[in-house]
Amino acid sequence: MPPVCDLVLPCRDEALALPDLLALVPPEFAVIVVDNGSSDDTAAVAVGLGATVVHESVPGYGAAVHAGLLAATHEYVAFMDGDGSFDPAELLPMLEDVRSGGADLAVGRRRPVNHRVWPWHARLGNRLIVAWLRRRIAMDAHDIAPMRLSRRDALLALDVRDRRFGYPVELLQRATDAGWRLVERDVTYLPRAEGTRSKVSGSVSGTLRTARDFWRVLS
């Protein structure tokens, strides 16, 4: 089956995670790995596994996501972390949601396999941001879209501008304000690949930096 959707994986130092992760990607997806300043062999590993590699020198999650969006060529585009914490097969129902016209944006709601996967400080920060969004703009979601899928042209037109960790928060704000129909699906939240470390939830300081980016978008 030829791909019908691009899958963008923003990555920094995820060489150890990519082999197992890319082996799970369904044939409906063409993988784009955005190397966001890796010091390991992320790019070389991705190329060897058949992925398209884009290099983004500007640091930041949003910068990597936007570079992948610009590089995408299919009608639909999906995004998820490249650290092995999600199963790309769980994007298939989201693809059907959008292709069928049932949703403009399909997003995942994390369901951790155990309490160690999602540290308390990261879970608390996420809960506060989501509660604020639901109250302020009546956003119909319970997570900040760690996995998401939409039409590429529509996402470009939404003009999300944050280039750091505030990107998904701004995306949800703009999509809600634009009247997008949103579908939320439970997704399994797994331990990261062994030997890799989260830039966000791996430490309290990382979570605080991310929270700062979130609140900058919300203010």
Protein backbone atom coordinates (compact mmCIF):
# COMPACT_ATOMS: atom_id res chain seq x y z
CA MET A 1 0.00 0.00 0.00
CA PRO A 2 1.49 3.37 -0.97
CA PRO A 3 1.61 5.96 1.83
CA VAL A 4 -1.27 8.41 2.10
CA CYS A 5 0.00 10.38 5.08
CA ASP A 6 3.34 11.77 6.22
CA LEU A 7 4.47 10.99 9.75
CA VAL A 8 6.74 13.68 11.16
CA LEU A 9 9.06 12.65 13.99
CA PRO A 10 10.88 15.60 15.58
CA CYS A 11 14.09 14.12 16.97
CA ARG A 12 17.14 15.09 18.92
CA ASP A 13 19.47 12.27 19.90
CA GLU A 14 16.99 9.47 19.22
CA ALA A 15 19.28 7.10 17.29
CA LEU A 16 18.68 4.30 19.80
CA ALA A 17 14.90 4.61 19.55
CA LEU A 18 14.44 4.78 15.79
CA PRO A 19 15.08 1.17 14.69
CA ASP A 20 12.33 -0.35 16.83
CA LEU A 21 9.99 2.60 16.28
CA LEU A 22 10.23 2.74 12.50
CA ALA A 23 9.70 -1.02 12.30
CA LEU A 24 6.20 -0.43 13.73
CA VAL A 25 5.13 2.29 11.30
CA PRO A 26 2.20 1.10 9.13
CA PRO A 27 2.62 1.34 5.34
CA GLU A 28 0.04 4.12 5.17
CA PHE A 29 2.67 6.50 6.56
CA ALA A 30 5.80 7.98 4.98
CA VAL A 31 8.27 8.85 7.74
CA ILE A 32 9.98 12.24 7.94
CA VAL A 33 12.61 12.47 10.68
CA VAL A 34 13.48 16.04 11.59
CA ASP A 35 16.96 16.09 13.10
CA ASN A 36 16.93 19.05 15.49
CA GLY A 37 20.59 19.35 16.39
CA SER A 38 21.39 15.77 17.35
CA SER A 39 24.84 14.92 18.66
CA ASP A 40 24.40 11.22 17.90
CA ASP A 41 23.71 9.29 14.68
CA THR A 42 19.99 10.08 14.51
CA ALA A 43 20.13 11.27 10.89
CA ALA A 44 22.28 8.42 9.64
CA VAL A 45 20.15 5.80 11.37
CA ALA A 46 16.97 7.33 9.95
CA VAL A 47 18.35 7.38 6.40
CA GLY A 48 19.47 3.77 6.76
CA LEU A 49 15.96 2.80 7.77
CA GLY A 50 14.43 4.46 4.72
CA ALA A 51 13.10 7.65 6.30
CA THR A 52 13.32 11.07 4.74
CA VAL A 53 15.57 13.27 6.89
CA VAL A 54 15.20 17.01 7.32
CA HIS A 55 17.76 19.04 9.25
CA GLU A 56 16.48 21.93 11.35
CA SER A 57 19.22 24.02 12.95
CA VAL A 58 16.90 26.25 14.97
CA PRO A 59 16.43 24.54 18.34
CA GLY A 60 12.93 23.91 19.62
CA TYR A 61 10.08 21.45 19.28
CA GLY A 62 7.94 23.85 17.27
CA ALA A 63 10.80 24.59 14.88
CA ALA A 64 11.27 20.87 14.22
CA VAL A 65 7.54 20.28 13.76
CA HIS A 66 7.21 23.18 11.33
CA ALA A 67 10.19 21.99 9.30
CA GLY A 68 8.57 18.57 9.00
CA LEU A 69 5.26 20.11 8.00
CA LEU A 70 6.94 22.08 5.22
CA ALA A 71 8.73 18.93 4.02
CA ALA A 72 5.53 16.83 3.97
CA THR A 73 4.07 16.08 0.54
CA HIS A 74 0.93 14.06 1.23
CA GLU A 75 -2.59 15.36 1.80
CA TYR A 76 -2.50 14.26 5.43
CA VAL A 77 0.21 14.73 8.02
CA ALA A 78 0.70 13.20 11.47
CA PHE A 79 3.07 14.04 14.31
CA MET A 80 4.41 12.10 17.27
CA ASP A 81 7.58 11.88 19.33
CA GLY A 82 10.47 9.82 18.01
CA ASP A 83 11.49 8.35 21.37
CA GLY A 84 9.52 5.11 21.22
CA SER A 85 6.91 6.21 23.77
CA PHE A 86 4.03 5.83 21.30
CA ASP A 87 2.86 3.11 18.94
CA PRO A 88 2.47 4.55 15.41
CA ALA A 89 -0.21 1.96 14.63
CA GLU A 90 -2.50 3.93 16.95
CA LEU A 91 -2.46 6.70 14.35
CA LEU A 92 -4.54 4.57 11.99
CA PRO A 93 -7.91 5.31 13.64
CA MET A 94 -6.97 8.99 13.67
CA LEU A 95 -6.22 8.86 9.96
CA GLU A 96 -9.64 7.34 9.35
CA ASP A 97 -11.28 10.05 11.48
CA VAL A 98 -9.84 12.79 9.27
CA ARG A 99 -10.04 11.00 5.91
CA SER A 100 -13.70 10.15 6.47
CA GLY A 101 -14.54 13.77 7.19
CA GLY A 102 -15.47 13.03 10.79
CA ALA A 103 -12.81 15.37 12.20
CA ASP A 104 -10.50 18.17 11.17
CA LEU A 105 -7.98 17.25 13.84
CA ALA A 106 -7.51 13.90 15.55
CA VAL A 107 -5.41 13.88 18.71
CA GLY A 108 -4.21 11.37 21.28
CA ARG A 109 -4.88 11.29 25.00
CA ARG A 110 -2.06 9.58 26.87
CA ARG A 111 -2.83 6.48 28.91
CA PRO A 112 0.45 5.53 30.66
CA VAL A 113 1.21 1.85 31.12
CA ASN A 114 2.53 2.63 34.61
CA HIS A 115 3.13 5.63 36.87
CA ARG A 116 6.84 5.79 36.05
CA VAL A 117 6.21 6.57 32.39
CA TRP A 118 4.70 9.97 33.15
CA PRO A 119 6.41 11.64 36.15
CA TRP A 120 4.23 13.56 38.58
CA HIS A 121 5.67 16.98 37.66
CA ALA A 122 5.00 16.48 33.94
CA ARG A 123 1.53 15.08 34.56
CA LEU A 124 0.63 17.98 36.87
CA GLY A 125 1.85 20.58 34.41
CA ASN A 126 -0.12 18.98 31.60
CA ARG A 127 -3.26 18.83 33.73
CA LEU A 128 -3.07 22.51 34.62
CA ILE A 129 -2.57 23.62 31.02
CA VAL A 130 -5.42 21.45 29.76
CA ALA A 131 -7.77 22.63 32.51
CA TRP A 132 -7.00 26.23 31.61
CA LEU A 133 -7.63 25.62 27.88
CA ARG A 134 -10.88 23.78 28.52
CA ARG A 135 -12.11 26.61 30.72
CA ARG A 136 -10.94 29.52 28.59
CA ILE A 137 -11.76 28.37 25.07
CA ALA A 138 -13.96 25.30 25.71
CA MET A 139 -11.38 23.03 24.10
CA ASP A 140 -12.78 19.53 23.82
CA ALA A 141 -9.64 17.59 24.73
CA HIS A 142 -7.88 16.27 27.84
CA ASP A 143 -4.25 16.30 26.69
CA ILE A 144 -2.01 18.59 24.65
CA ALA A 145 -2.04 16.50 21.49
CA PRO A 146 1.14 14.40 21.86
CA MET A 147 -0.06 12.49 18.77
CA ARG A 148 -2.10 14.34 16.18
CA LEU A 149 -3.20 14.16 12.56
CA SER A 150 -4.83 16.61 10.17
CA ARG A 151 -4.83 17.75 6.57
CA ARG A 152 -1.52 19.35 5.66
CA ASP A 153 -2.93 22.39 3.84
CA ALA A 154 -5.36 23.15 6.64
CA LEU A 155 -2.60 22.99 9.23
CA LEU A 156 -0.41 25.33 7.21
CA ALA A 157 -3.32 27.77 6.92
CA LEU A 158 -3.78 27.67 10.70
CA ASP A 159 -0.39 29.47 10.89
CA VAL A 160 0.89 28.18 14.22
CA ARG A 161 3.89 30.37 15.06
CA ASP A 162 5.43 29.11 18.29
CA ARG A 163 8.75 27.41 17.65
CA ARG A 164 9.39 25.97 21.10
CA PHE A 165 7.39 23.67 23.36
CA GLY A 166 4.37 25.96 23.24
CA TYR A 167 3.57 24.75 19.71
CA PRO A 168 0.90 22.15 20.60
CA VAL A 169 -0.84 24.56 22.98
CA GLU A 170 -1.02 27.26 20.31
CA LEU A 171 -2.21 24.65 17.80
CA LEU A 172 -5.09 23.61 20.05
CA GLN A 173 -6.00 27.25 20.69
CA ARG A 174 -6.02 28.17 17.02
CA ALA A 175 -7.85 25.00 15.96
CA THR A 176 -10.56 25.56 18.58
CA ASP A 177 -10.92 29.24 17.68
CA ALA A 178 -11.19 28.27 14.00
CA GLY A 179 -14.06 25.89 14.74
CA TRP A 180 -12.17 22.72 13.85
CA ARG A 181 -13.94 19.49 14.72
CA LEU A 182 -11.70 17.60 17.12
CA VAL A 183 -11.66 13.89 17.89
CA GLU A 184 -9.66 12.60 20.86
CA ARG A 185 -8.56 8.99 21.12
CA ASP A 186 -6.80 7.16 23.93
CA VAL A 187 -3.21 6.24 23.06
CA THR A 188 -0.82 4.01 24.98
CA TYR A 189 1.99 5.91 26.68
CA LEU A 190 5.03 3.63 26.85
CA PRO A 191 8.48 3.91 28.42
CA ARG A 192 11.00 5.71 26.26
CA ALA A 193 13.54 3.63 24.40
CA GLU A 194 16.33 2.49 26.68
CA GLY A 195 19.33 4.81 26.62
CA THR A 196 17.33 7.94 25.70
CA ARG A 197 16.19 10.76 27.97
CA SER A 198 13.21 13.09 27.75
CA LYS A 199 13.94 16.76 27.16
CA VAL A 200 10.65 17.63 28.88
CA SER A 201 9.58 15.16 31.56
CA GLY A 202 13.04 13.77 32.28
CA SER A 203 13.58 16.39 34.98
CA VAL A 204 11.70 18.98 36.98
CA SER A 205 13.75 21.73 35.33
CA GLY A 206 12.80 20.43 31.89
CA THR A 207 9.14 20.45 32.85
CA LEU A 208 9.44 24.01 34.18
CA ARG A 209 11.05 25.20 30.95
CA THR A 210 8.23 23.61 28.99
CA ALA A 211 5.61 25.16 31.28
CA ARG A 212 7.22 28.55 30.67
CA ASP A 213 6.81 28.05 26.91
CA PHE A 214 3.19 27.00 27.42
CA TRP A 215 2.30 30.04 29.51
CA ARG A 216 4.03 32.37 27.08
CA VAL A 217 1.63 31.15 24.39
CA LEU A 218 -1.38 31.40 26.72
CA SER A 219 -0.64 34.91 27.98
